[in-house]
């Protein structure tokens, strides 16, 4: 489970930074609380399927993309 938390953390940071979004921008786009996004990015919380769906919709990517690591991105 820790691997999935780390993967989600890295993917969120990567996608957010590629769009030049702050955590606040992502929170507004996804309707997920900014402090929860901080916890996700710091591997302090786990995301539900509903939260993953909201975050994926904000980035306009399929939900599985948030849990799939691409070694060349990091």
N, C-alpha and C. Protein backbone atom coordinates (compact mmCIF):
# COMPACT_ATOMS: atom_id res chain seq x y z
N UNK A 1 0.82 -1.19 0.00
CA UNK A 1 0.00 0.00 0.00
C UNK A 1 0.86 1.26 0.00
N UNK A 2 1.99 1.21 0.68
CA UNK A 2 2.87 2.37 0.72
C UNK A 2 3.37 2.72 -0.68
N UNK A 3 3.59 1.71 -1.52
CA UNK A 3 4.03 1.97 -2.89
C UNK A 3 2.98 2.76 -3.66
N UNK A 4 1.71 2.41 -3.47
CA UNK A 4 0.63 3.14 -4.15
C UNK A 4 0.52 4.57 -3.65
N UNK A 5 0.70 4.76 -2.34
CA UNK A 5 0.66 6.12 -1.80
C UNK A 5 1.79 6.96 -2.38
N UNK A 6 2.97 6.37 -2.49
CA UNK A 6 4.11 7.09 -3.05
C UNK A 6 3.89 7.38 -4.54
N UNK A 7 3.37 6.41 -5.26
CA UNK A 7 3.08 6.61 -6.68
C UNK A 7 2.08 7.74 -6.87
N UNK A 8 1.00 7.73 -6.11
CA UNK A 8 0.01 8.80 -6.21
C UNK A 8 0.64 10.14 -5.86
N UNK A 9 1.42 10.18 -4.83
CA UNK A 9 2.10 11.41 -4.42
C UNK A 9 2.96 11.98 -5.54
N UNK A 10 3.79 11.14 -6.12
CA UNK A 10 4.68 11.59 -7.19
C UNK A 10 3.90 12.03 -8.43
N UNK A 11 2.86 11.30 -8.75
CA UNK A 11 2.06 11.62 -9.94
C UNK A 11 1.32 12.94 -9.75
N UNK A 12 0.74 13.14 -8.57
CA UNK A 12 0.04 14.40 -8.31
C UNK A 12 0.98 15.58 -8.44
N UNK A 13 2.15 15.47 -7.83
CA UNK A 13 3.13 16.56 -7.91
C UNK A 13 3.54 16.81 -9.35
N UNK A 14 3.81 15.75 -10.08
CA UNK A 14 4.26 15.88 -11.46
C UNK A 14 3.19 16.54 -12.33
N UNK A 15 1.98 16.04 -12.27
CA UNK A 15 0.90 16.61 -13.09
C UNK A 15 0.59 18.05 -12.69
N UNK A 16 0.60 18.30 -11.40
CA UNK A 16 0.29 19.65 -10.92
C UNK A 16 1.37 20.64 -11.38
N UNK A 17 2.61 20.26 -11.24
CA UNK A 17 3.71 21.14 -11.64
C UNK A 17 3.77 21.32 -13.15
N UNK A 18 3.42 20.29 -13.90
CA UNK A 18 3.45 20.41 -15.37
C UNK A 18 2.41 21.41 -15.87
N UNK A 19 1.42 21.67 -15.05
CA UNK A 19 0.38 22.65 -15.39
C UNK A 19 0.60 23.98 -14.67
N UNK A 20 1.70 24.07 -13.93
CA UNK A 20 1.99 25.26 -13.13
C UNK A 20 0.86 25.59 -12.17
N UNK A 21 0.28 24.55 -11.58
CA UNK A 21 -0.81 24.71 -10.61
C UNK A 21 -0.24 24.66 -9.20
N UNK A 22 -0.80 25.48 -8.35
CA UNK A 22 -0.54 25.35 -6.92
C UNK A 22 -1.47 24.27 -6.38
N UNK A 23 -1.25 23.90 -5.14
CA UNK A 23 -2.18 22.96 -4.52
C UNK A 23 -3.57 23.59 -4.43
N UNK A 24 -3.62 24.88 -4.23
CA UNK A 24 -4.91 25.58 -4.19
C UNK A 24 -5.62 25.46 -5.54
N UNK A 25 -4.87 25.63 -6.65
CA UNK A 25 -5.47 25.49 -7.98
C UNK A 25 -6.05 24.09 -8.19
N UNK A 26 -5.29 23.09 -7.77
CA UNK A 26 -5.78 21.71 -7.90
C UNK A 26 -7.01 21.49 -7.03
N UNK A 27 -7.00 22.05 -5.84
CA UNK A 27 -8.15 21.91 -4.95
C UNK A 27 -9.40 22.50 -5.58
N UNK A 28 -9.27 23.66 -6.18
CA UNK A 28 -10.42 24.29 -6.84
C UNK A 28 -10.91 23.45 -8.02
N UNK A 29 -9.97 22.95 -8.82
CA UNK A 29 -10.35 22.18 -10.01
C UNK A 29 -10.95 20.82 -9.67
N UNK A 30 -10.52 20.24 -8.57
CA UNK A 30 -10.94 18.87 -8.23
C UNK A 30 -12.03 18.82 -7.16
N UNK A 31 -12.26 19.92 -6.47
CA UNK A 31 -13.20 19.94 -5.35
C UNK A 31 -12.74 19.02 -4.23
N UNK A 32 -11.42 18.96 -4.05
CA UNK A 32 -10.79 18.22 -2.95
C UNK A 32 -10.09 19.25 -2.08
N UNK A 33 -10.23 19.14 -0.78
CA UNK A 33 -9.65 20.11 0.14
C UNK A 33 -8.13 20.22 -0.05
N UNK A 34 -7.62 21.45 -0.06
CA UNK A 34 -6.20 21.69 -0.28
C UNK A 34 -5.33 20.98 0.76
N UNK A 35 -5.75 20.99 2.01
CA UNK A 35 -4.95 20.33 3.05
C UNK A 35 -4.90 18.82 2.83
N UNK A 36 -5.95 18.24 2.26
CA UNK A 36 -5.93 16.82 1.95
C UNK A 36 -4.97 16.54 0.79
N UNK A 37 -4.93 17.44 -0.19
CA UNK A 37 -3.97 17.30 -1.29
C UNK A 37 -2.55 17.34 -0.74
N UNK A 38 -2.30 18.25 0.20
CA UNK A 38 -0.99 18.31 0.85
C UNK A 38 -0.66 16.96 1.51
N UNK A 39 -1.63 16.41 2.24
CA UNK A 39 -1.41 15.11 2.89
C UNK A 39 -1.15 14.01 1.88
N UNK A 40 -1.86 14.02 0.76
CA UNK A 40 -1.63 13.01 -0.28
C UNK A 40 -0.23 13.15 -0.86
N UNK A 41 0.17 14.37 -1.14
CA UNK A 41 1.49 14.60 -1.73
C UNK A 41 2.62 14.26 -0.76
N UNK A 42 2.33 14.29 0.53
CA UNK A 42 3.33 13.95 1.55
C UNK A 42 3.16 12.53 2.09
N UNK A 43 2.33 11.73 1.42
CA UNK A 43 2.09 10.33 1.79
C UNK A 43 1.57 10.18 3.21
N UNK A 44 0.82 11.16 3.68
CA UNK A 44 0.26 11.10 5.02
C UNK A 44 -1.18 10.62 5.05
N UNK A 45 -1.81 10.55 3.87
CA UNK A 45 -3.19 10.08 3.77
C UNK A 45 -3.33 9.19 2.55
N UNK A 46 -4.39 8.41 2.57
CA UNK A 46 -4.74 7.56 1.43
C UNK A 46 -5.98 8.13 0.76
N UNK A 47 -6.04 8.01 -0.55
CA UNK A 47 -7.17 8.54 -1.31
C UNK A 47 -8.19 7.45 -1.57
N UNK A 48 -9.45 7.82 -1.46
CA UNK A 48 -10.53 6.91 -1.82
C UNK A 48 -10.66 6.88 -3.35
N UNK A 49 -11.41 5.93 -3.84
CA UNK A 49 -11.68 5.85 -5.27
C UNK A 49 -12.36 7.13 -5.74
N UNK A 50 -13.28 7.65 -4.95
CA UNK A 50 -13.98 8.89 -5.31
C UNK A 50 -13.00 10.06 -5.43
N UNK A 51 -12.06 10.16 -4.50
CA UNK A 51 -11.08 11.24 -4.54
C UNK A 51 -10.16 11.09 -5.74
N UNK A 52 -9.73 9.87 -6.03
CA UNK A 52 -8.90 9.64 -7.21
C UNK A 52 -9.66 10.05 -8.47
N UNK A 53 -10.92 9.74 -8.53
CA UNK A 53 -11.74 10.12 -9.69
C UNK A 53 -11.82 11.64 -9.83
N UNK A 54 -12.00 12.35 -8.73
CA UNK A 54 -12.06 13.82 -8.78
C UNK A 54 -10.74 14.42 -9.23
N UNK A 55 -9.64 13.90 -8.70
CA UNK A 55 -8.33 14.40 -9.08
C UNK A 55 -8.04 14.10 -10.55
N UNK A 56 -8.37 12.90 -10.99
CA UNK A 56 -8.15 12.53 -12.38
C UNK A 56 -8.97 13.42 -13.32
N UNK A 57 -10.20 13.69 -12.95
CA UNK A 57 -11.05 14.55 -13.77
C UNK A 57 -10.45 15.96 -13.87
N UNK A 58 -9.90 16.46 -12.77
CA UNK A 58 -9.29 17.78 -12.79
C UNK A 58 -8.12 17.84 -13.76
N UNK A 59 -7.36 16.74 -13.85
CA UNK A 59 -6.22 16.68 -14.76
C UNK A 59 -6.61 16.19 -16.16
N UNK A 60 -7.87 15.77 -16.32
CA UNK A 60 -8.36 15.22 -17.59
C UNK A 60 -7.56 13.98 -18.01
N UNK A 61 -7.36 13.10 -17.05
CA UNK A 61 -6.68 11.82 -17.31
C UNK A 61 -7.52 10.70 -16.70
N UNK A 62 -7.37 9.48 -17.17
CA UNK A 62 -8.07 8.36 -16.53
C UNK A 62 -7.53 8.13 -15.12
N UNK A 63 -8.37 7.67 -14.23
CA UNK A 63 -7.96 7.47 -12.85
C UNK A 63 -6.75 6.58 -12.68
N UNK A 64 -6.63 5.55 -13.50
CA UNK A 64 -5.49 4.64 -13.36
C UNK A 64 -4.17 5.33 -13.60
N UNK A 65 -4.17 6.43 -14.34
CA UNK A 65 -2.93 7.17 -14.61
C UNK A 65 -2.32 7.72 -13.33
N UNK A 66 -3.14 8.00 -12.34
CA UNK A 66 -2.63 8.53 -11.08
C UNK A 66 -1.95 7.47 -10.23
N UNK A 67 -2.15 6.21 -10.59
CA UNK A 67 -1.55 5.12 -9.83
C UNK A 67 -0.50 4.36 -10.64
N UNK A 68 -0.20 4.85 -11.83
CA UNK A 68 0.76 4.20 -12.72
C UNK A 68 2.03 5.05 -12.75
N UNK A 69 3.14 4.44 -12.37
CA UNK A 69 4.40 5.17 -12.35
C UNK A 69 5.09 5.04 -13.69
N UNK A 70 5.62 6.14 -14.16
CA UNK A 70 6.43 6.16 -15.36
C UNK A 70 7.82 6.58 -14.92
N UNK A 71 8.76 5.68 -14.96
CA UNK A 71 10.10 5.92 -14.43
C UNK A 71 10.76 7.15 -15.06
N UNK A 72 10.49 7.43 -16.32
CA UNK A 72 11.14 8.55 -16.99
C UNK A 72 10.63 9.91 -16.53
N UNK A 73 9.53 9.94 -15.79
CA UNK A 73 8.97 11.20 -15.30
C UNK A 73 9.69 11.71 -14.07
N UNK A 74 10.39 10.83 -13.36
CA UNK A 74 10.96 11.21 -12.07
C UNK A 74 12.43 11.07 -12.12
